[in-house]
Amino acid sequence: MLGNEKIINEIMIKMIEISDGNIHDIDHFIRVWNYARIIGKYEMISEEEQLILEIAALTHDIACPLCRIKYGNTNGKNQEIEGVVLVEKFLSDFSLSKEIKERIKYLVGHHHTFKNINNREHQILIEADYIANASENNYSKANVNNFIEKICKTKSGKTLLKHIFQLIL
């Protein structure tokens, strides 16, 4: 486990470095990582799934700076497209298996895709990113309830949403 924590810490530091002091981006990926970490632990996913999830949470918005320059915005679909290439290059500095890198690339390339969620890491990343976005952007309680009803699948994700947004479920 110490090896995984070391990799996570190194990835976090490198993500902070490449964020060029953009406090919003840094705060966002750290919040998403923290929510993802909590949900993954409570859902008792495997150690490998947890590693994949945490790295994907830290790197999920790696394309935001490029998207702001290239497109003038951080549209989710553009992030997914640009993020796959960027995260592949980013991960080349880390000794992770090809399978783990591919899984992370998939998650970065689908972190705004709410359809065809086919594994626990994807589900948890979607939930963690939504929680962070909902609180940052003051989503309505109706929006949050809709997400819980239609998208959220984990018990811990629903519990976090309920308590953070003071909902009665």
N, C-alpha and C. Protein backbone atom coordinates (compact mmCIF):
# COMPACT_ATOMS: atom_id res chain seq x y z
N MET A 1 0.82 -1.20 0.00
CA MET A 1 0.00 0.00 0.00
C MET A 1 0.86 1.26 0.00
N LEU A 2 1.99 1.24 0.70
CA LEU A 2 2.84 2.42 0.72
C LEU A 2 3.28 2.81 -0.68
N GLY A 3 3.53 1.83 -1.54
CA GLY A 3 3.91 2.13 -2.92
C GLY A 3 2.83 2.88 -3.64
N ASN A 4 1.57 2.48 -3.45
CA ASN A 4 0.45 3.18 -4.09
C ASN A 4 0.30 4.60 -3.55
N GLU A 5 0.46 4.77 -2.25
CA GLU A 5 0.37 6.11 -1.67
C GLU A 5 1.46 7.02 -2.22
N LYS A 6 2.65 6.47 -2.40
CA LYS A 6 3.76 7.25 -2.95
C LYS A 6 3.44 7.69 -4.38
N ILE A 7 2.92 6.80 -5.19
CA ILE A 7 2.54 7.14 -6.57
C ILE A 7 1.45 8.22 -6.57
N ILE A 8 0.45 8.04 -5.73
CA ILE A 8 -0.64 9.02 -5.63
C ILE A 8 -0.07 10.39 -5.26
N ASN A 9 0.80 10.43 -4.26
CA ASN A 9 1.40 11.70 -3.84
C ASN A 9 2.22 12.32 -4.95
N GLU A 10 3.00 11.52 -5.67
CA GLU A 10 3.81 12.04 -6.76
C GLU A 10 2.92 12.59 -7.88
N ILE A 11 1.84 11.90 -8.18
CA ILE A 11 0.92 12.36 -9.22
C ILE A 11 0.24 13.65 -8.79
N MET A 12 -0.15 13.73 -7.52
CA MET A 12 -0.78 14.96 -7.04
C MET A 12 0.18 16.15 -7.17
N ILE A 13 1.42 15.98 -6.76
CA ILE A 13 2.40 17.06 -6.86
C ILE A 13 2.62 17.46 -8.32
N LYS A 14 2.74 16.47 -9.20
CA LYS A 14 2.95 16.78 -10.62
C LYS A 14 1.73 17.50 -11.20
N MET A 15 0.52 17.10 -10.81
CA MET A 15 -0.68 17.79 -11.28
C MET A 15 -0.72 19.23 -10.78
N ILE A 16 -0.31 19.45 -9.53
CA ILE A 16 -0.25 20.82 -9.00
C ILE A 16 0.75 21.63 -9.82
N GLU A 17 1.90 21.04 -10.11
CA GLU A 17 2.93 21.74 -10.89
C GLU A 17 2.42 22.15 -12.26
N ILE A 18 1.74 21.24 -12.96
CA ILE A 18 1.30 21.57 -14.32
C ILE A 18 0.05 22.45 -14.34
N SER A 19 -0.53 22.71 -13.17
CA SER A 19 -1.71 23.58 -13.09
C SER A 19 -1.34 25.06 -13.11
N ASP A 20 -0.05 25.36 -13.07
CA ASP A 20 0.43 26.74 -13.18
C ASP A 20 -0.28 27.70 -12.23
N GLY A 21 -0.49 27.29 -11.01
CA GLY A 21 -1.07 28.18 -10.00
C GLY A 21 -2.55 28.43 -10.13
N ASN A 22 -3.26 27.67 -10.97
CA ASN A 22 -4.70 27.86 -11.10
C ASN A 22 -5.37 27.19 -9.89
N ILE A 23 -5.66 28.02 -8.88
CA ILE A 23 -6.18 27.51 -7.60
C ILE A 23 -7.50 26.78 -7.80
N HIS A 24 -8.37 27.28 -8.67
CA HIS A 24 -9.64 26.59 -8.90
C HIS A 24 -9.42 25.17 -9.40
N ASP A 25 -8.56 25.02 -10.41
CA ASP A 25 -8.30 23.68 -10.95
C ASP A 25 -7.69 22.76 -9.89
N ILE A 26 -6.74 23.28 -9.13
CA ILE A 26 -6.08 22.48 -8.10
C ILE A 26 -7.08 22.07 -7.03
N ASP A 27 -7.83 23.03 -6.52
CA ASP A 27 -8.84 22.71 -5.50
C ASP A 27 -9.84 21.69 -6.02
N HIS A 28 -10.24 21.84 -7.28
CA HIS A 28 -11.24 20.94 -7.85
C HIS A 28 -10.71 19.51 -7.91
N PHE A 29 -9.54 19.30 -8.50
CA PHE A 29 -9.10 17.90 -8.62
C PHE A 29 -8.77 17.29 -7.27
N ILE A 30 -8.35 18.10 -6.31
CA ILE A 30 -8.11 17.55 -4.96
C ILE A 30 -9.43 17.18 -4.30
N ARG A 31 -10.45 17.99 -4.50
CA ARG A 31 -11.77 17.66 -3.93
C ARG A 31 -12.35 16.40 -4.58
N VAL A 32 -12.25 16.31 -5.91
CA VAL A 32 -12.75 15.12 -6.60
C VAL A 32 -11.99 13.89 -6.12
N TRP A 33 -10.67 14.00 -6.02
CA TRP A 33 -9.85 12.89 -5.52
C TRP A 33 -10.30 12.47 -4.12
N ASN A 34 -10.52 13.45 -3.26
CA ASN A 34 -10.91 13.13 -1.89
C ASN A 34 -12.27 12.43 -1.84
N TYR A 35 -13.24 12.94 -2.58
CA TYR A 35 -14.55 12.28 -2.62
C TYR A 35 -14.43 10.88 -3.22
N ALA A 36 -13.68 10.76 -4.30
CA ALA A 36 -13.49 9.44 -4.94
C ALA A 36 -12.83 8.47 -3.96
N ARG A 37 -11.82 8.94 -3.27
CA ARG A 37 -11.11 8.11 -2.29
C ARG A 37 -12.06 7.61 -1.22
N ILE A 38 -12.86 8.52 -0.67
CA ILE A 38 -13.81 8.16 0.38
C ILE A 38 -14.82 7.14 -0.13
N ILE A 39 -15.41 7.42 -1.28
CA ILE A 39 -16.42 6.51 -1.82
C ILE A 39 -15.80 5.15 -2.12
N GLY A 40 -14.64 5.13 -2.76
CA GLY A 40 -13.97 3.86 -3.06
C GLY A 40 -13.70 3.04 -1.82
N LYS A 41 -13.22 3.69 -0.77
CA LYS A 41 -12.94 2.99 0.49
C LYS A 41 -14.22 2.43 1.10
N TYR A 42 -15.28 3.24 1.15
CA TYR A 42 -16.54 2.78 1.72
C TYR A 42 -17.21 1.69 0.89
N GLU A 43 -17.00 1.74 -0.41
CA GLU A 43 -17.58 0.70 -1.28
C GLU A 43 -16.69 -0.54 -1.33
N MET A 44 -15.55 -0.48 -0.66
CA MET A 44 -14.62 -1.60 -0.52
C MET A 44 -14.18 -2.17 -1.88
N ILE A 45 -13.78 -1.27 -2.77
CA ILE A 45 -13.26 -1.73 -4.05
C ILE A 45 -11.85 -2.29 -3.82
N SER A 46 -11.35 -3.03 -4.78
CA SER A 46 -10.04 -3.65 -4.63
C SER A 46 -8.94 -2.59 -4.59
N GLU A 47 -7.77 -2.98 -4.13
CA GLU A 47 -6.63 -2.07 -4.07
C GLU A 47 -6.27 -1.55 -5.46
N GLU A 48 -6.31 -2.41 -6.47
CA GLU A 48 -6.01 -1.95 -7.83
C GLU A 48 -7.07 -0.98 -8.33
N GLU A 49 -8.33 -1.29 -8.10
CA GLU A 49 -9.40 -0.38 -8.51
C GLU A 49 -9.25 0.98 -7.80
N GLN A 50 -8.87 0.95 -6.53
CA GLN A 50 -8.70 2.18 -5.76
C GLN A 50 -7.56 3.02 -6.34
N LEU A 51 -6.48 2.37 -6.71
CA LEU A 51 -5.34 3.07 -7.32
C LEU A 51 -5.77 3.73 -8.63
N ILE A 52 -6.43 2.97 -9.47
CA ILE A 52 -6.91 3.49 -10.76
C ILE A 52 -7.86 4.66 -10.53
N LEU A 53 -8.79 4.49 -9.61
CA LEU A 53 -9.77 5.53 -9.30
C LEU A 53 -9.09 6.81 -8.82
N GLU A 54 -8.17 6.68 -7.89
CA GLU A 54 -7.53 7.87 -7.33
C GLU A 54 -6.67 8.60 -8.36
N ILE A 55 -5.96 7.86 -9.19
CA ILE A 55 -5.16 8.51 -10.24
C ILE A 55 -6.08 9.19 -11.26
N ALA A 56 -7.15 8.51 -11.63
CA ALA A 56 -8.10 9.11 -12.58
C ALA A 56 -8.74 10.36 -11.98
N ALA A 57 -9.05 10.34 -10.69
CA ALA A 57 -9.65 11.50 -10.05
C ALA A 57 -8.68 12.69 -10.05
N LEU A 58 -7.42 12.42 -9.80
CA LEU A 58 -6.42 13.50 -9.80
C LEU A 58 -6.19 14.07 -11.20
N THR A 59 -6.28 13.23 -12.22
CA THR A 59 -5.93 13.65 -13.58
C THR A 59 -7.15 13.90 -14.48
N HIS A 60 -8.36 13.72 -13.96
CA HIS A 60 -9.53 13.76 -14.83
C HIS A 60 -9.68 15.06 -15.62
N ASP A 61 -9.27 16.18 -15.06
CA ASP A 61 -9.39 17.47 -15.75
C ASP A 61 -8.05 17.97 -16.31
N ILE A 62 -7.17 17.06 -16.62
CA ILE A 62 -5.84 17.42 -17.12
C ILE A 62 -5.91 18.29 -18.38
N ALA A 63 -6.99 18.18 -19.12
CA ALA A 63 -7.12 18.93 -20.38
C ALA A 63 -7.70 20.33 -20.21
N CYS A 64 -8.13 20.71 -19.01
CA CYS A 64 -8.77 22.02 -18.85
C CYS A 64 -7.90 23.19 -19.33
N PRO A 65 -6.63 23.26 -18.94
CA PRO A 65 -5.83 24.40 -19.44
C PRO A 65 -5.76 24.44 -20.97
N LEU A 66 -5.54 23.30 -21.60
CA LEU A 66 -5.49 23.25 -23.06
C LEU A 66 -6.83 23.64 -23.66
N CYS A 67 -7.91 23.15 -23.11
CA CYS A 67 -9.25 23.46 -23.64
C CYS A 67 -9.55 24.96 -23.55
N ARG A 68 -9.12 25.60 -22.48
CA ARG A 68 -9.34 27.04 -22.36
C ARG A 68 -8.64 27.79 -23.50
N ILE A 69 -7.43 27.34 -23.84
CA ILE A 69 -6.66 27.98 -24.91
C ILE A 69 -7.24 27.61 -26.28
N LYS A 70 -7.44 26.33 -26.50
CA LYS A 70 -7.85 25.82 -27.83
C LYS A 70 -9.30 26.13 -28.18
N TYR A 71 -10.21 26.02 -27.17
CA TYR A 71 -11.64 26.17 -27.44
C TYR A 71 -12.28 27.38 -26.76
N GLY A 72 -11.56 27.98 -25.82
CA GLY A 72 -12.12 29.11 -25.08
C GLY A 72 -13.05 28.70 -23.96
N ASN A 73 -13.10 27.39 -23.67
CA ASN A 73 -13.95 26.90 -22.59
C ASN A 73 -13.45 25.52 -22.13
N THR A 74 -14.10 24.98 -21.13
CA THR A 74 -13.73 23.66 -20.63
C THR A 74 -14.87 22.66 -20.81
N ASN A 75 -15.53 22.75 -21.94
CA ASN A 75 -16.61 21.82 -22.27
C ASN A 75 -16.19 20.38 -21.99
N GLY A 76 -17.08 19.63 -21.33
CA GLY A 76 -16.76 18.26 -20.91
C GLY A 76 -16.35 17.33 -22.04
N LYS A 77 -17.01 17.40 -23.17
CA LYS A 77 -16.65 16.51 -24.28
C LYS A 77 -15.25 16.82 -24.81
N ASN A 78 -14.91 18.10 -24.90
CA ASN A 78 -13.56 18.46 -25.34
C ASN A 78 -12.52 17.99 -24.33
N GLN A 79 -12.84 18.11 -23.04
CA GLN A 79 -11.93 17.60 -22.00
C GLN A 79 -11.67 16.12 -22.19
N GLU A 80 -12.72 15.38 -22.47
CA GLU A 80 -12.58 13.93 -22.64
C GLU A 80 -11.67 13.62 -23.83
N ILE A 81 -11.89 14.29 -24.93
CA ILE A 81 -11.10 14.03 -26.14
C ILE A 81 -9.64 14.39 -25.92
N GLU A 82 -9.39 15.60 -25.46
CA GLU A 82 -8.01 16.08 -25.28
C GLU A 82 -7.32 15.39 -24.10
N GLY A 83 -8.10 15.02 -23.09
CA GLY A 83 -7.53 14.45 -21.88
C GLY A 83 -6.86 13.11 -22.08
N VAL A 84 -7.37 12.30 -22.98
CA VAL A 84 -6.81 10.97 -23.21
C VAL A 84 -5.34 11.06 -23.64
N VAL A 85 -5.06 11.93 -24.59
CA VAL A 85 -3.69 12.10 -25.08
C VAL A 85 -2.80 12.68 -23.99
N LEU A 86 -3.30 13.69 -23.30
CA LEU A 86 -2.50 14.36 -22.26
C LEU A 86 -2.19 13.42 -21.10
N VAL A 87 -3.17 12.64 -20.67
CA VAL A 87 -2.93 11.76 -19.52
C VAL A 87 -2.00 10.61 -19.91
N GLU A 88 -2.05 10.17 -21.15
CA GLU A 88 -1.13 9.12 -21.60
C GLU A 88 0.32 9.61 -21.47
N LYS A 89 0.56 10.82 -21.95
CA LYS A 89 1.90 11.40 -21.84
C LYS A 89 2.28 11.62 -20.38
N PHE A 90 1.37 12.14 -19.60
CA PHE A 90 1.59 12.41 -18.17
C PHE A 90 1.97 11.13 -17.43
N LEU A 91 1.28 10.04 -17.70
CA LEU A 91 1.50 8.78 -16.98
C LEU A 91 2.78 8.06 -17.41
N SER A 92 3.36 8.49 -18.53
CA SER A 92 4.58 7.82 -19.01
C SER A 92 5.74 7.95 -18.02
N ASP A 93 5.67 8.92 -17.12
CA ASP A 93 6.71 9.12 -16.11
C ASP A 93 6.56 8.20 -14.90
N PHE A 94 5.49 7.42 -14.87
CA PHE A 94 5.20 6.60 -13.69
C PHE A 94 5.22 5.13 -14.05
N SER A 95 5.76 4.33 -13.15
CA SER A 95 5.86 2.88 -13.40
C SER A 95 4.55 2.20 -13.01
N LEU A 96 3.61 2.27 -13.92
CA LEU A 96 2.32 1.60 -13.78
C LEU A 96 2.18 0.63 -14.94
N SER A 97 1.44 -0.43 -14.72
CA SER A 97 1.26 -1.41 -15.79
C SER A 97 0.48 -0.78 -16.95
N LYS A 98 0.64 -1.37 -18.11
CA LYS A 98 -0.08 -0.90 -19.30
C LYS A 98 -1.59 -0.95 -19.07
N GLU A 99 -2.05 -2.01 -18.42
CA GLU A 99 -3.48 -2.18 -18.16
C GLU A 99 -4.02 -1.06 -17.27
N ILE A 100 -3.26 -0.71 -16.23
CA ILE A 100 -3.70 0.36 -15.34
C ILE A 100 -3.72 1.69 -16.09
N LYS A 101 -2.70 1.96 -16.87
CA LYS A 101 -2.66 3.20 -17.66
C LYS A 101 -3.84 3.27 -18.63
N GLU A 102 -4.15 2.16 -19.27
CA GLU A 102 -5.28 2.13 -20.21
C GLU A 102 -6.60 2.41 -19.50
N ARG A 103 -6.74 1.84 -18.32
CA ARG A 103 -7.97 2.04 -17.53
C ARG A 103 -8.11 3.51 -17.14
N ILE A 104 -7.00 4.13 -16.73
CA ILE A 104 -7.02 5.54 -16.34
C ILE A 104 -7.36 6.41 -17.56
N LYS A 105 -6.74 6.11 -18.70
CA LYS A 105 -7.05 6.84 -19.93
C LYS A 105 -8.54 6.75 -20.25
N TYR A 106 -9.09 5.55 -20.10
CA TYR A 106 -10.52 5.37 -20.37
C TYR A 106 -11.35 6.27 -19.45
N LEU A 107 -11.03 6.28 -18.18
CA LEU A 107 -11.80 7.07 -17.22
C LEU A 107 -11.68 8.57 -17.50
N VAL A 108 -10.47 9.04 -17.79
CA VAL A 108 -10.29 10.45 -18.13
C VAL A 108 -11.09 10.78 -19.40
N GLY A 109 -11.12 9.86 -20.34
CA GLY A 109 -11.85 10.06 -21.58
C GLY A 109 -13.35 9.86 -21.48
N HIS A 110 -13.83 9.50 -20.30
CA HIS A 110 -15.28 9.28 -20.12
C HIS A 110 -15.82 9.87 -18.82
N HIS A 111 -15.10 10.80 -18.21
CA HIS A 111 -15.54 11.30 -16.90
C HIS A 111 -16.75 12.23 -16.96
N HIS A 112 -17.19 12.60 -18.17
CA HIS A 112 -18.43 13.36 -18.33
C HIS A 112 -19.49 12.51 -19.04
N THR A 113 -19.21 11.24 -19.22
CA THR A 113 -20.13 10.34 -19.92
C THR A 113 -20.93 9.55 -18.90
N PHE A 114 -22.21 9.88 -18.80
CA PHE A 114 -23.07 9.26 -17.79
C PHE A 114 -23.78 8.02 -18.32
N LYS A 115 -23.62 7.71 -19.60
CA LYS A 115 -24.24 6.51 -20.17
C LYS A 115 -23.20 5.41 -20.27
N ASN A 116 -23.66 4.19 -20.23
CA ASN A 116 -22.79 3.02 -20.37
C ASN A 116 -21.67 2.99 -19.34
N ILE A 117 -22.00 3.35 -18.11
CA ILE A 117 -21.03 3.25 -17.03
C ILE A 117 -20.89 1.76 -16.72
N ASN A 118 -19.68 1.22 -16.99
CA ASN A 118 -19.55 -0.24 -16.97
C ASN A 118 -18.66 -0.79 -15.86
N ASN A 119 -18.21 0.04 -14.94
CA ASN A 119 -17.44 -0.50 -13.81
C ASN A 119 -17.49 0.45 -12.63
N ARG A 120 -17.01 -0.03 -11.51
CA ARG A 120 -17.11 0.74 -10.27
C ARG A 120 -16.24 2.00 -10.28
N GLU A 121 -15.06 1.93 -10.87
CA GLU A 121 -14.21 3.12 -10.89
C GLU A 121 -14.89 4.25 -11.67
N HIS A 122 -15.48 3.92 -12.80
CA HIS A 122 -16.18 4.92 -13.61
C HIS A 122 -17.35 5.51 -12.82
N GLN A 123 -18.14 4.65 -12.21
CA GLN A 123 -19.30 5.11 -11.44
C GLN A 123 -18.86 6.05 -10.32
N ILE A 124 -17.84 5.66 -9.60
CA ILE A 124 -17.39 6.47 -8.46
C ILE A 124 -16.79 7.79 -8.93
N LEU A 125 -16.03 7.78 -10.01
CA LEU A 125 -15.47 9.02 -10.53
C LEU A 125 -16.58 9.98 -10.95
N ILE A 126 -17.59 9.47 -11.62
CA ILE A 126 -18.74 10.31 -12.02
C ILE A 126 -19.37 10.94 -10.78
N GLU A 127 -19.59 10.13 -9.74
CA GLU A 127 -20.22 10.63 -8.53
C GLU A 127 -19.35 11.67 -7.82
N ALA A 128 -18.06 11.39 -7.70
CA ALA A 128 -17.15 12.31 -7.01
C ALA A 128 -17.06 13.65 -7.75
N ASP A 129 -16.94 13.60 -9.07
CA ASP A 129 -16.85 14.82 -9.87
C ASP A 129 -18.16 15.60 -9.77
N TYR A 130 -19.27 14.90 -9.77
CA TYR A 130 -20.57 15.57 -9.65
C TYR A 130 -20.68 16.28 -8.30
N ILE A 131 -20.28 15.61 -7.23
CA ILE A 131 -20.37 16.23 -5.90
C ILE A 131 -19.56 17.52 -5.88
N ALA A 132 -18.33 17.46 -6.38
CA ALA A 132 -17.48 18.66 -6.40
C ALA A 132 -18.09 19.75 -7.27
N ASN A 133 -18.56 19.39 -8.45
CA ASN A 133 -19.16 20.38 -9.36
C ASN A 133 -20.44 20.97 -8.78
N ALA A 134 -21.25 20.14 -8.16
CA ALA A 134 -22.52 20.61 -7.59
C ALA A 134 -22.29 21.64 -6.49
N SER A 135 -21.29 21.39 -5.65
CA SER A 135 -21.03 22.35 -4.58
C SER A 135 -20.34 23.60 -5.11
N GLU A 136 -19.45 23.45 -6.08
CA GLU A 136 -18.75 24.62 -6.65
C GLU A 136 -19.70 25.52 -7.43
N ASN A 137 -20.70 24.92 -8.07
CA ASN A 137 -21.58 25.66 -8.97
C ASN A 137 -22.99 25.85 -8.43
N ASN A 138 -23.18 25.55 -7.15
CA ASN A 138 -24.47 25.75 -6.49
C ASN A 138 -25.65 25.12 -7.23
N TYR A 139 -25.50 23.83 -7.57
CA TYR A 139 -26.60 23.13 -8.23
C TYR A 139 -27.83 23.14 -7.33
N SER A 140 -28.98 23.19 -7.94
CA SER A 140 -30.23 23.18 -7.18
C SER A 140 -30.45 21.83 -6.52
N LYS A 141 -31.26 21.83 -5.49
CA LYS A 141 -31.59 20.56 -4.82
C LYS A 141 -32.32 19.63 -5.79
N ALA A 142 -33.11 20.20 -6.70
CA ALA A 142 -33.79 19.38 -7.71
C ALA A 142 -32.79 18.69 -8.62
N ASN A 143 -31.74 19.42 -9.02
CA ASN A 143 -30.69 18.84 -9.86
C ASN A 143 -29.99 17.70 -9.11
N VAL A 144 -29.65 17.94 -7.86
CA VAL A 144 -28.97 16.92 -7.06
C VAL A 144 -29.88 15.71 -6.86
N ASN A 145 -31.14 15.93 -6.56
CA ASN A 145 -32.08 14.81 -6.41
C ASN A 145 -32.21 14.01 -7.70
N ASN A 146 -32.24 14.70 -8.83
CA ASN A 146 -32.31 14.02 -10.13
C ASN A 146 -31.07 13.15 -10.35
N PHE A 147 -29.89 13.68 -10.00
CA PHE A 147 -28.65 12.90 -10.13
C PHE A 147 -28.71 11.66 -9.24
N ILE A 148 -29.16 11.83 -8.02
CA ILE A 148 -29.25 10.69 -7.09
C ILE A 148 -30.20 9.63 -7.65
N GLU A 149 -31.33 10.08 -8.16
CA GLU A 149 -32.35 9.16 -8.67
C GLU A 149 -31.92 8.43 -9.95
N LYS A 150 -31.26 9.14 -10.87
CA LYS A 150 -30.99 8.58 -12.19
C LYS A 150 -29.56 8.09 -12.42
N ILE A 151 -28.59 8.65 -11.72
CA ILE A 151 -27.19 8.35 -12.03
C ILE A 151 -26.45 7.69 -10.86
N CYS A 152 -26.60 8.23 -9.68
CA CYS A 152 -25.84 7.77 -8.52
C CYS A 152 -26.24 6.34 -8.16
N LYS A 153 -25.25 5.49 -7.98
CA LYS A 153 -25.51 4.08 -7.68
C LYS A 153 -24.93 3.63 -6.34
N THR A 154 -23.87 4.29 -5.87
CA THR A 154 -23.23 3.83 -4.65
C THR A 154 -23.96 4.36 -3.41
N LYS A 155 -24.01 3.52 -2.41
CA LYS A 155 -24.64 3.92 -1.15
C LYS A 155 -23.89 5.10 -0.54
N SER A 156 -22.55 5.05 -0.57
CA SER A 156 -21.77 6.12 0.04
C SER A 156 -21.88 7.42 -0.74
N GLY A 157 -21.98 7.35 -2.06
CA GLY A 157 -22.18 8.55 -2.86
C GLY A 157 -23.50 9.21 -2.52
N LYS A 158 -24.56 8.41 -2.40
CA LYS A 158 -25.87 8.94 -2.03
C LYS A 158 -25.83 9.55 -0.63
N THR A 159 -25.15 8.89 0.28
CA THR A 159 -25.05 9.41 1.65
C THR A 159 -24.31 10.74 1.67
N LEU A 160 -23.19 10.83 0.95
CA LEU A 160 -22.46 12.09 0.90
C LEU A 160 -23.34 13.21 0.32
N LEU A 161 -23.99 12.93 -0.79
CA LEU A 161 -24.86 13.94 -1.40
C LEU A 161 -25.96 14.38 -0.43
N LYS A 162 -26.56 13.41 0.25
CA LYS A 162 -27.63 13.72 1.20
C LYS A 162 -27.13 14.66 2.29
N HIS A 163 -25.97 14.39 2.85
CA HIS A 163 -25.47 15.20 3.94
C HIS A 163 -24.90 16.54 3.48
N ILE A 164 -24.19 16.53 2.38
CA ILE A 164 -23.60 17.78 1.88
C ILE A 164 -24.69 18.77 1.49
N PHE A 165 -25.75 18.29 0.84
CA PHE A 165 -26.79 19.17 0.34
C PHE A 165 -28.04 19.17 1.22
N GLN A 166 -27.94 18.54 2.37
CA GLN A 166 -29.02 18.50 3.37
C GLN A 166 -30.35 18.11 2.74
N LEU A 167 -30.33 16.95 2.12
CA LEU A 167 -31.52 16.43 1.44
C LEU A 167 -32.23 15.41 2.31
N ILE A 168 -33.50 15.30 2.08
CA ILE A 168 -34.29 14.25 2.71
C ILE A 168 -34.56 13.23 1.63
N LEU A 169 -34.01 12.03 1.80
CA LEU A 169 -34.18 10.98 0.78
C LEU A 169 -35.17 9.94 1.24
